[in-house]
Amino acid sequence: MDRKYSILIFPWQGTRIRRVAFSQKSVRYLLTAGMLLAGIVALLFGDYLRMKFQRSEVHDLVVDTQLQQEQLSSLYDRTKEVQGLLAHWKELRGKVQASLPPQRRASVNGHEAVAGLENYLNSLQDQLKQMIASIPTSLPAAGRISSGVGTRPSPWDGKAEFHSGLDIPNPIGTPVYAPADGVVDFVGQSNGNGQTVLLDHGQGIITQYAHLSKTNVKKGEAVRKGQQIANVGNTGKSTSAHLHYEVRVNGVPVDPRRYLVK
């Protein structure tokens, strides 16, 4: 039996009492509609909060990208300056020697002055060469780059995330080479990165090699550019076999492709 419900409306004055009747079925429909409406409002409010949170994340990523560009510009200027000094090295030495009078060059004191200056210049030249050799100017493994430095959808949940390095897919066991001279700063497991190697190149430059299957170096070991340091793997939080390669300058991730020698 479908019960009836009534609502009585009492006017302030003058008019008669009004009565509005509802069936039990109508009440159910109204309650169901109200619950659906409340659910839709809750979903829309949840989407609003999620979009607001993602907008905040994007803003933080933009700030990180700006810091990265500043670090890139600073490192690029330093590299150009050092390369320019080395390019004009022989010319500078010739001018210094030519500026001494012939008799001064032939004298003992003059000879000692030239020898001392040459020793100093040679020492400075070695320091410049070492500085240049310590800047990563090649990729540590062959192959295409499947993901670069910057914002991308997460391969796990599709949300926007900042990817701090280059992903280079390769079969497990592919050699990984040092892109510059450096000292091994860390070897071992590193959270979601799996087997990892860190190289310290000085000048605030650190490179990272993650998801490795094998490491060929130990902490504190000095490595040379082109030396094999590890093998590509699929360890840690990884969707497939690849090398995750990072370059950080003073702790800020930068895009290594800007400094590759073509």
Protein backbone atom coordinates (compact mmCIF):
# COMPACT_ATOMS: atom_id res chain seq x y z
CA MET A 1 0.00 0.00 0.00
CA ASP A 2 1.36 3.39 -1.04
CA ARG A 3 1.12 5.64 1.96
CA LYS A 4 0.39 9.34 1.64
CA TYR A 5 2.22 12.20 3.34
CA SER A 6 0.86 15.72 3.61
CA ILE A 7 2.40 19.11 4.30
CA LEU A 8 0.09 21.79 5.70
CA ILE A 9 0.86 25.42 4.86
CA PHE A 10 -0.61 27.98 7.29
CA PRO A 11 -0.84 31.52 5.86
CA TRP A 12 -0.20 34.56 7.99
CA GLN A 13 -3.71 35.80 7.60
CA GLY A 14 -6.75 35.89 5.37
CA THR A 15 -6.37 32.86 3.14
CA ARG A 16 -7.26 29.30 3.86
CA ILE A 17 -4.85 26.55 4.89
CA ARG A 18 -3.12 24.83 1.97
CA ARG A 19 -2.31 21.15 1.85
CA VAL A 20 0.32 19.49 -0.32
CA ALA A 21 0.17 15.68 -0.52
CA PHE A 22 3.01 13.30 -1.41
CA SER A 23 2.93 9.59 -1.98
CA GLN A 24 5.51 7.29 -0.39
CA LYS A 25 6.87 6.55 -3.84
CA SER A 26 7.30 10.28 -4.55
CA VAL A 27 9.22 10.71 -1.30
CA ARG A 28 11.57 7.88 -2.29
CA TYR A 29 12.17 9.50 -5.66
CA LEU A 30 12.91 12.85 -4.02
CA LEU A 31 15.33 11.29 -1.52
CA THR A 32 17.08 9.35 -4.31
CA ALA A 33 17.36 12.49 -6.44
CA GLY A 34 18.73 14.41 -3.44
CA MET A 35 21.37 11.76 -2.78
CA LEU A 36 22.39 11.73 -6.45
CA LEU A 37 22.63 15.52 -6.46
CA ALA A 38 24.74 15.47 -3.29
CA GLY A 39 27.02 12.85 -4.87
CA ILE A 40 27.45 14.93 -8.04
CA VAL A 41 28.26 18.03 -5.97
CA ALA A 42 30.82 16.03 -3.95
CA LEU A 43 32.47 14.72 -7.13
CA LEU A 44 32.63 18.20 -8.65
CA PHE A 45 34.09 19.62 -5.44
CA GLY A 46 36.67 16.80 -5.34
CA ASP A 47 37.67 17.55 -8.96
CA TYR A 48 37.99 21.23 -8.06
CA LEU A 49 40.30 20.44 -5.13
CA ARG A 50 42.38 18.04 -7.28
CA MET A 51 42.75 20.62 -10.07
CA LYS A 52 43.76 23.26 -7.51
CA PHE A 53 46.41 20.91 -6.10
CA GLN A 54 47.75 20.05 -9.57
CA ARG A 55 47.89 23.77 -10.42
CA SER A 56 50.05 24.28 -7.33
CA GLU A 57 52.32 21.42 -8.44
CA VAL A 58 52.65 22.93 -11.94
CA HIS A 59 53.60 26.28 -10.40
CA ASP A 60 56.35 24.58 -8.38
CA LEU A 61 57.59 22.84 -11.54
CA VAL A 62 57.75 26.18 -13.37
CA VAL A 63 59.87 27.63 -10.55
CA ASP A 64 62.19 24.57 -10.70
CA THR A 65 62.50 24.98 -14.47
CA GLN A 66 63.47 28.65 -14.09
CA LEU A 67 66.17 27.72 -11.57
CA GLN A 68 67.40 25.04 -13.95
CA GLN A 69 67.69 27.54 -16.82
CA GLU A 70 69.72 29.88 -14.62
CA GLN A 71 72.10 27.05 -13.69
CA LEU A 72 72.38 26.02 -17.35
CA SER A 73 73.25 29.54 -18.41
CA SER A 74 75.91 29.87 -15.68
CA LEU A 75 77.56 26.55 -16.55
CA TYR A 76 77.44 27.31 -20.28
CA ASP A 77 79.16 30.69 -19.78
CA ARG A 78 81.89 29.08 -17.62
CA THR A 79 82.48 26.40 -20.24
CA LYS A 80 82.80 28.94 -23.05
CA GLU A 81 85.20 31.05 -20.99
CA VAL A 82 87.47 28.11 -20.23
CA GLN A 83 87.46 26.90 -23.84
CA GLY A 84 88.31 30.41 -25.03
CA LEU A 85 91.29 30.62 -22.66
CA LEU A 86 92.61 27.29 -23.87
CA ALA A 87 92.13 28.21 -27.55
CA HIS A 88 94.35 31.30 -27.20
CA TRP A 89 96.94 29.61 -25.04
CA LYS A 90 99.82 29.27 -27.51
CA GLU A 91 99.27 32.76 -28.82
CA LEU A 92 99.55 34.20 -25.29
CA ARG A 93 102.74 32.27 -24.57
CA GLY A 94 104.34 33.48 -27.82
CA LYS A 95 103.50 37.10 -27.09
CA VAL A 96 104.97 36.89 -23.58
CA GLN A 97 108.24 35.42 -24.86
CA ALA A 98 108.45 37.91 -27.74
CA SER A 99 107.95 40.86 -25.39
CA LEU A 100 111.29 40.21 -23.62
CA PRO A 101 114.36 42.02 -25.09
CA PRO A 102 116.85 39.67 -26.84
CA GLN A 103 119.62 40.42 -24.33
CA ARG A 104 117.21 39.80 -21.46
CA ARG A 105 116.23 36.47 -22.94
CA ALA A 106 119.90 35.46 -23.18
CA SER A 107 120.79 36.48 -19.63
CA VAL A 108 120.62 34.09 -16.73
CA ASN A 109 117.97 36.11 -14.92
CA GLY A 110 115.96 36.54 -18.10
CA HIS A 111 116.19 32.83 -18.82
CA GLU A 112 115.04 32.04 -15.30
CA ALA A 113 112.16 34.51 -15.61
CA VAL A 114 110.99 32.95 -18.88
CA ALA A 115 111.34 29.41 -17.43
CA GLY A 116 109.36 30.38 -14.34
CA LEU A 117 106.63 31.99 -16.42
CA GLU A 118 106.46 28.95 -18.71
CA ASN A 119 106.11 26.64 -15.71
CA TYR A 120 103.27 28.75 -14.37
CA LEU A 121 101.54 28.86 -17.74
CA ASN A 122 101.95 25.10 -18.19
CA SER A 123 100.43 24.50 -14.77
CA LEU A 124 97.50 26.78 -15.60
CA GLN A 125 97.04 25.03 -18.95
CA ASP A 126 96.84 21.65 -17.20
CA GLN A 127 94.21 23.01 -14.82
CA LEU A 128 92.16 24.33 -17.74
CA LYS A 129 92.36 21.00 -19.57
CA GLN A 130 91.31 19.15 -16.42
CA MET A 131 88.36 21.53 -15.94
CA ILE A 132 87.17 20.96 -19.51
CA ALA A 133 87.63 17.17 -19.23
CA SER A 134 85.41 17.21 -16.13
CA ILE A 135 82.40 18.71 -17.94
CA PRO A 136 80.01 16.00 -19.29
CA THR A 137 79.99 16.49 -23.07
CA SER A 138 78.76 13.07 -24.27
CA LEU A 139 76.01 10.59 -23.49
CA PRO A 140 76.95 7.66 -21.22
CA ALA A 141 75.15 5.11 -23.43
CA ALA A 142 74.13 4.83 -27.06
CA GLY A 143 70.48 4.91 -28.15
CA ARG A 144 67.47 7.17 -28.46
CA ILE A 145 66.18 9.29 -25.60
CA SER A 146 62.64 8.25 -24.65
CA SER A 147 62.10 10.88 -21.96
CA GLY A 148 63.89 14.16 -21.28
CA VAL A 149 64.24 16.69 -18.47
CA GLY A 150 61.01 18.49 -17.63
CA THR A 151 57.33 17.98 -16.86
CA ARG A 152 55.72 14.74 -18.11
CA PRO A 153 52.79 12.42 -17.25
CA SER A 154 53.85 9.86 -14.65
CA PRO A 155 54.12 6.33 -16.14
CA TRP A 156 52.50 5.04 -12.93
CA ASP A 157 49.41 7.20 -12.39
CA GLY A 158 49.37 9.67 -15.31
CA LYS A 159 49.70 12.74 -13.07
CA ALA A 160 52.07 15.57 -13.98
CA GLU A 161 55.56 15.11 -12.52
CA PHE A 162 59.02 16.63 -12.97
CA HIS A 163 61.46 14.20 -14.64
CA SER A 164 64.98 15.18 -13.59
CA GLY A 165 67.03 13.26 -16.17
CA LEU A 166 67.20 11.46 -19.52
CA ASP A 167 65.82 7.93 -20.06
CA ILE A 168 67.83 5.91 -22.62
CA PRO A 169 66.24 2.50 -23.39
CA ASN A 170 68.75 -0.31 -24.00
CA PRO A 171 68.97 -4.09 -23.49
CA ILE A 172 70.11 -5.25 -20.05
CA GLY A 173 73.91 -5.42 -19.99
CA THR A 174 74.55 -2.51 -22.40
CA PRO A 175 77.76 -0.72 -21.30
CA VAL A 176 77.51 2.64 -19.50
CA TYR A 177 80.50 4.99 -19.90
CA ALA A 178 81.62 8.03 -17.89
CA PRO A 179 80.85 11.18 -19.94
CA ALA A 180 83.65 13.12 -18.18
CA ASP A 181 86.48 12.72 -15.69
CA GLY A 182 85.33 12.40 -12.08
CA VAL A 183 85.43 10.58 -8.76
CA VAL A 184 82.91 7.92 -7.72
CA ASP A 185 80.78 9.45 -4.95
CA PHE A 186 78.26 6.62 -4.43
CA VAL A 187 77.67 3.00 -5.50
CA GLY A 188 74.70 0.94 -4.34
CA GLN A 189 70.91 0.75 -4.00
CA SER A 190 69.09 4.11 -4.02
CA ASN A 191 65.36 3.91 -3.21
CA GLY A 192 63.35 3.62 -6.45
CA ASN A 193 66.46 4.10 -8.59
CA GLY A 194 67.73 0.56 -7.99
CA GLN A 195 71.46 0.00 -8.52
CA THR A 196 72.95 3.51 -8.82
CA VAL A 197 76.30 5.22 -9.42
CA LEU A 198 77.06 8.89 -8.66
CA LEU A 199 80.11 10.68 -10.09
CA ASP A 200 81.48 13.95 -8.70
CA HIS A 201 83.12 16.02 -11.46
CA GLY A 202 83.99 19.04 -9.33
CA GLN A 203 82.76 22.59 -10.07
CA GLY A 204 79.46 21.60 -8.43
CA ILE A 205 78.69 19.01 -11.16
CA ILE A 206 77.26 15.59 -10.16
CA THR A 207 76.08 12.88 -12.60
CA GLN A 208 73.77 9.97 -11.71
CA TYR A 209 73.27 6.60 -13.44
CA ALA A 210 70.23 4.59 -12.23
CA HIS A 211 68.40 1.24 -12.75
CA LEU A 212 71.73 -0.52 -13.42
CA SER A 213 72.19 -4.30 -13.63
CA LYS A 214 75.88 -4.18 -12.69
CA THR A 215 78.43 -1.63 -11.42
CA ASN A 216 82.14 -1.68 -12.34
CA VAL A 217 83.49 0.96 -9.95
CA LYS A 218 83.76 1.57 -6.21
CA LYS A 219 83.35 4.64 -4.01
CA GLY A 220 86.36 6.98 -4.09
CA GLU A 221 87.70 5.63 -7.40
CA ALA A 222 88.88 8.17 -9.99
CA VAL A 223 87.42 7.55 -13.46
CA ARG A 224 88.31 8.94 -16.85
CA LYS A 225 86.01 10.05 -19.64
CA GLY A 226 85.02 7.02 -21.76
CA GLN A 227 85.71 4.48 -18.99
CA GLN A 228 82.99 1.84 -18.50
CA ILE A 229 81.42 2.31 -15.07
CA ALA A 230 78.31 0.08 -15.21
CA ASN A 231 75.77 -1.83 -17.31
CA VAL A 232 72.17 -0.94 -18.17
CA GLY A 233 69.51 -2.76 -16.14
CA ASN A 234 65.92 -2.74 -14.96
CA THR A 235 66.35 -2.49 -11.17
CA GLY A 236 64.32 -0.33 -8.80
CA LYS A 237 61.05 1.34 -9.83
CA SER A 238 61.33 0.89 -13.58
CA THR A 239 58.88 -0.01 -16.35
CA SER A 240 61.52 -1.52 -18.68
CA ALA A 241 65.28 -1.85 -19.19
CA HIS A 242 66.83 1.60 -19.57
CA LEU A 243 69.44 3.99 -18.20
CA HIS A 244 68.23 6.98 -16.18
CA TYR A 245 70.96 9.64 -16.53
CA GLU A 246 71.04 12.90 -14.58
CA VAL A 247 73.33 15.92 -14.49
CA ARG A 248 73.01 18.24 -11.48
CA VAL A 249 74.79 21.60 -11.08
CA ASN A 250 74.88 22.78 -7.47
CA GLY A 251 72.05 20.34 -6.73
CA VAL A 252 69.76 21.54 -9.55
CA PRO A 253 68.98 19.07 -12.41
CA VAL A 254 69.93 20.39 -15.86
CA ASP A 255 69.43 19.03 -19.38
CA PRO A 256 72.73 17.33 -20.41
CA ARG A 257 71.91 17.65 -24.11
CA ARG A 258 72.88 21.33 -24.07
CA TYR A 259 76.54 20.39 -23.51
CA LEU A 260 76.85 17.45 -25.89
CA VAL A 261 79.68 17.78 -28.40
CA LYS A 262 78.23 17.14 -31.86
